[in-house]
Amino acid sequence: MRICENVYWYREKGWMDANTFVIKGDVTVLIDPGLSEYAWRKCEEMREDGIEPQEIDILLITHSHPDHCDALSVLKKHTNARIGLHSSQAEWASLLSEASFHFLGVKPRDFKADFLVEALKAGREERSQGERNWLEVLHTPGHTPDSVCFYLPSHAVLLCGDLVFERGIGRTDLPFGDEDALKASIERISALDVEILLPGHGNIIKGRENVRKNFAFVMNFFR
């Protein structure tokens, strides 16, 4: 489903899956592939939007919980896309995957970084779709220590993973969650100019005023 110019949304398919987003351009990026068993259904939806899975150049994740990253290795194998991880994700992935297995019963799938997204930010890798559609990578710990958001300033689009949802915030009762860090991350991110908020689960939020009101509402969880 097309959200705005070059940005597409593929809704989560079931329990332990996540919303998947594609930013299409000269370099096409897929963020949060979700659970492996739903990957091909999402690929079919991409084809309906005119996006062939083989066009995907880079795979990114907002954090290392299996509902967001399980399909990384499957999609890499079938698309030859490169996996980019934030340095915190490279550090925490195995620990978070193992903790998820014990806490949620989901067996972790191994994956590794082909490059660090800090390299993207420093310009040492292909810039996603050139200057106009350049993605900013923002470390936003709290839900997990390796959580990041992806910000597309040219479109005022924020992909926020499990930082916040429509009238909700990310859990901090899972292993390595940190409520104080989550609050600080939300406060920092809420200062961005955001027209479209794309959470890891549930509905998207459109309109600057609606996004602002949602940030104001979720901050009440910390009072």
Protein backbone atom coordinates (compact mmCIF):
# COMPACT_ATOMS: atom_id res chain seq x y z
CA MET A 1 0.00 0.00 0.00
CA ARG A 2 1.44 3.35 -1.06
CA ILE A 3 1.56 5.88 1.79
CA CYS A 4 3.18 8.79 -0.01
CA GLU A 5 5.74 9.33 -2.74
CA ASN A 6 8.09 6.30 -2.76
CA VAL A 7 6.95 5.04 0.67
CA TYR A 8 4.93 1.80 1.01
CA TRP A 9 3.35 -0.02 3.97
CA TYR A 10 2.75 -3.77 4.31
CA ARG A 11 0.64 -4.44 7.38
CA GLU A 12 1.59 -7.03 10.00
CA LYS A 13 -0.05 -10.38 9.31
CA GLY A 14 -0.45 -11.98 12.72
CA TRP A 15 0.93 -12.44 16.20
CA MET A 16 4.71 -12.00 16.30
CA ASP A 17 4.80 -10.11 13.01
CA ALA A 18 5.41 -6.40 12.40
CA ASN A 19 4.57 -3.70 9.91
CA THR A 20 6.99 -3.70 7.00
CA PHE A 21 7.91 -0.57 5.05
CA VAL A 22 9.61 -0.06 1.70
CA ILE A 23 11.21 3.16 0.48
CA LYS A 24 11.58 2.87 -3.27
CA GLY A 25 14.20 4.67 -5.29
CA ASP A 26 17.54 4.24 -7.05
CA VAL A 27 18.43 2.33 -3.90
CA THR A 28 15.37 0.54 -2.52
CA VAL A 29 15.21 -0.07 1.22
CA LEU A 30 13.01 -2.50 3.16
CA ILE A 31 12.62 -1.88 6.89
CA ASP A 32 11.46 -4.56 9.39
CA PRO A 33 10.77 -7.66 7.26
CA GLY A 34 8.85 -9.29 10.11
CA LEU A 35 8.29 -12.99 10.69
CA SER A 36 9.57 -15.39 8.03
CA GLU A 37 6.28 -17.23 7.59
CA TYR A 38 4.64 -14.04 6.34
CA ALA A 39 7.48 -12.82 4.13
CA TRP A 40 6.14 -14.21 0.86
CA ARG A 41 2.66 -12.78 1.43
CA LYS A 42 4.27 -9.37 1.83
CA CYS A 43 6.37 -9.94 -1.28
CA GLU A 44 3.19 -10.62 -3.25
CA GLU A 45 1.72 -7.36 -1.95
CA MET A 46 4.89 -5.56 -3.06
CA ARG A 47 4.47 -6.99 -6.55
CA GLU A 48 0.92 -5.62 -6.61
CA ASP A 49 2.48 -2.20 -5.98
CA GLY A 50 4.97 -2.72 -8.79
CA ILE A 51 7.92 -3.59 -6.53
CA GLU A 52 9.76 -6.81 -7.30
CA PRO A 53 11.50 -8.30 -4.22
CA GLN A 54 14.70 -8.57 -6.28
CA GLU A 55 14.69 -4.76 -6.50
CA ILE A 56 15.35 -4.50 -2.76
CA ASP A 57 18.92 -3.33 -2.21
CA ILE A 58 19.12 -2.85 1.56
CA LEU A 59 17.40 -4.53 4.53
CA LEU A 60 17.16 -2.59 7.79
CA ILE A 61 15.50 -3.21 11.16
CA THR A 62 14.30 -0.95 13.96
CA HIS A 63 15.41 -3.49 16.60
CA SER A 64 16.34 -7.14 17.06
CA HIS A 65 13.10 -8.68 18.34
CA PRO A 66 12.09 -11.62 16.10
CA ASP A 67 8.76 -10.10 15.06
CA HIS A 68 10.80 -7.42 13.28
CA CYS A 69 13.94 -9.23 12.12
CA ASP A 70 13.11 -12.94 11.71
CA ALA A 71 12.82 -12.78 7.89
CA LEU A 72 16.13 -10.94 7.37
CA SER A 73 18.15 -14.02 6.41
CA VAL A 74 15.34 -15.41 4.21
CA LEU A 75 14.98 -12.20 2.24
CA LYS A 76 18.73 -11.73 1.95
CA LYS A 77 19.06 -15.20 0.42
CA HIS A 78 16.32 -14.64 -2.15
CA THR A 79 16.99 -11.00 -3.05
CA ASN A 80 20.76 -10.59 -2.57
CA ALA A 81 19.99 -7.44 -0.60
CA ARG A 82 22.54 -6.26 1.93
CA ILE A 83 21.73 -6.16 5.64
CA GLY A 84 22.51 -2.90 7.41
CA LEU A 85 22.56 -2.79 11.21
CA HIS A 86 23.14 -0.01 13.69
CA SER A 87 26.24 -0.69 15.79
CA SER A 88 24.00 -1.27 18.83
CA GLN A 89 22.07 -3.90 16.87
CA ALA A 90 25.26 -5.67 15.87
CA GLU A 91 26.19 -5.69 19.55
CA TRP A 92 22.84 -6.77 21.00
CA ALA A 93 21.28 -8.98 18.31
CA SER A 94 22.37 -12.36 19.66
CA LEU A 95 21.49 -11.50 23.27
CA LEU A 96 18.07 -10.12 22.37
CA SER A 97 17.32 -13.06 20.08
CA GLU A 98 18.24 -15.54 22.78
CA ALA A 99 16.20 -13.65 25.39
CA SER A 100 13.23 -13.60 23.01
CA PHE A 101 13.49 -17.36 22.58
CA HIS A 102 13.30 -17.92 26.33
CA PHE A 103 10.66 -15.24 26.94
CA LEU A 104 8.48 -15.61 23.84
CA GLY A 105 9.32 -19.10 22.60
CA VAL A 106 10.46 -17.90 19.17
CA LYS A 107 13.61 -19.62 17.95
CA PRO A 108 16.11 -17.01 16.74
CA ARG A 109 17.40 -17.02 13.15
CA ASP A 110 21.01 -16.00 12.66
CA PHE A 111 21.83 -12.91 10.65
CA LYS A 112 24.80 -10.58 10.45
CA ALA A 113 25.50 -7.13 9.14
CA ASP A 114 26.95 -6.52 5.70
CA PHE A 115 27.57 -2.96 6.81
CA LEU A 116 26.74 -0.62 9.70
CA VAL A 117 24.12 2.06 9.12
CA GLU A 118 26.49 4.59 10.65
CA ALA A 119 28.44 4.10 7.44
CA LEU A 120 25.33 5.14 5.50
CA LYS A 121 25.04 8.26 7.60
CA ALA A 122 28.71 9.10 7.05
CA GLY A 123 28.29 8.73 3.29
CA ARG A 124 30.51 5.67 2.96
CA GLU A 125 27.67 3.61 1.49
CA GLU A 126 25.04 4.29 -1.16
CA ARG A 127 22.76 7.08 -0.08
CA SER A 128 19.22 5.76 -0.11
CA GLN A 129 17.63 7.21 -3.28
CA GLY A 130 20.01 10.15 -3.35
CA GLU A 131 19.81 13.42 -1.43
CA ARG A 132 16.04 13.92 -1.69
CA ASN A 133 15.16 10.63 0.01
CA TRP A 134 18.06 10.41 2.42
CA LEU A 135 17.30 8.42 5.60
CA GLU A 136 18.51 9.62 8.98
CA VAL A 137 19.23 6.89 11.53
CA LEU A 138 18.38 7.84 15.13
CA HIS A 139 19.31 5.63 18.09
CA THR A 140 16.24 5.49 20.37
CA PRO A 141 16.82 2.95 23.19
CA GLY A 142 14.15 2.01 25.70
CA HIS A 143 12.00 -0.75 24.24
CA THR A 144 15.32 -2.43 23.56
CA PRO A 145 18.87 -1.07 23.88
CA ASP A 146 19.32 -1.38 20.10
CA SER A 147 16.14 0.37 18.95
CA VAL A 148 16.46 2.95 16.18
CA CYS A 149 14.10 5.17 14.21
CA PHE A 150 14.47 6.04 10.54
CA TYR A 151 13.59 9.60 9.56
CA LEU A 152 12.93 10.76 6.01
CA PRO A 153 13.12 14.57 6.40
CA SER A 154 12.25 15.31 2.77
CA HIS A 155 8.83 13.69 3.34
CA ALA A 156 8.53 14.36 7.12
CA VAL A 157 8.11 10.60 7.59
CA LEU A 158 9.25 8.81 10.75
CA LEU A 159 9.53 5.02 10.96
CA CYS A 160 9.56 4.51 14.71
CA GLY A 161 9.49 0.75 15.29
CA ASP A 162 8.21 -0.01 18.79
CA LEU A 163 9.04 3.40 20.24
CA VAL A 164 5.44 4.61 20.07
CA PHE A 165 2.18 3.47 18.51
CA GLU A 166 -1.23 5.00 18.00
CA ARG A 167 -2.11 5.86 21.62
CA GLY A 168 0.56 3.54 23.00
CA ILE A 169 4.25 3.08 23.78
CA GLY A 170 6.73 0.25 23.42
CA ARG A 171 6.91 -2.35 26.18
CA THR A 172 9.75 -2.16 28.67
CA ASP A 173 8.92 -5.34 30.61
CA LEU A 174 10.77 -7.53 28.10
CA PRO A 175 14.45 -8.36 28.74
CA PHE A 176 16.72 -5.27 28.64
CA GLY A 177 13.79 -2.82 28.42
CA ASP A 178 14.36 0.55 30.11
CA GLU A 179 11.42 2.87 30.88
CA ASP A 180 13.59 5.91 31.60
CA ALA A 181 15.45 5.47 28.32
CA LEU A 182 12.16 5.04 26.45
CA LYS A 183 10.80 8.27 27.90
CA ALA A 184 13.96 10.16 26.95
CA SER A 185 13.86 8.76 23.41
CA ILE A 186 10.20 9.71 22.94
CA GLU A 187 10.83 13.24 24.21
CA ARG A 188 13.73 13.66 21.79
CA ILE A 189 11.94 12.20 18.77
CA SER A 190 8.74 14.17 19.40
CA ALA A 191 10.62 17.38 18.54
CA LEU A 192 11.03 16.28 14.90
CA ASP A 193 8.87 17.62 12.10
CA VAL A 194 6.68 14.58 11.37
CA GLU A 195 3.78 14.52 8.93
CA ILE A 196 3.45 10.72 8.83
CA LEU A 197 4.27 8.39 11.74
CA LEU A 198 4.88 4.74 10.79
CA PRO A 199 4.91 2.49 13.90
CA GLY A 200 6.03 -1.13 14.02
CA HIS A 201 2.53 -2.33 14.92
CA GLY A 202 -1.01 -1.13 14.44
CA ASN A 203 -2.15 1.87 12.44
CA ILE A 204 -0.11 4.64 10.89
CA ILE A 205 -0.79 8.27 11.86
CA LYS A 206 -1.10 11.03 9.26
CA GLY A 207 -1.10 14.78 9.75
CA ARG A 208 1.29 16.90 11.84
CA GLU A 209 -1.37 17.82 14.37
CA ASN A 210 -2.45 14.19 14.80
CA VAL A 211 1.17 13.14 15.28
CA ARG A 212 1.72 15.92 17.81
CA LYS A 213 -1.40 14.95 19.75
CA ASN A 214 -0.32 11.31 19.77
CA PHE A 215 3.09 12.19 21.23
CA ALA A 216 1.39 14.33 23.87
CA PHE A 217 -1.01 11.51 24.71
CA VAL A 218 1.66 8.80 25.07
CA MET A 219 3.76 10.95 27.39
CA ASN A 220 0.93 10.55 29.93
CA PHE A 221 2.07 6.93 30.38
CA PHE A 222 5.11 8.24 32.27
CA ARG A 223 3.19 10.38 34.79
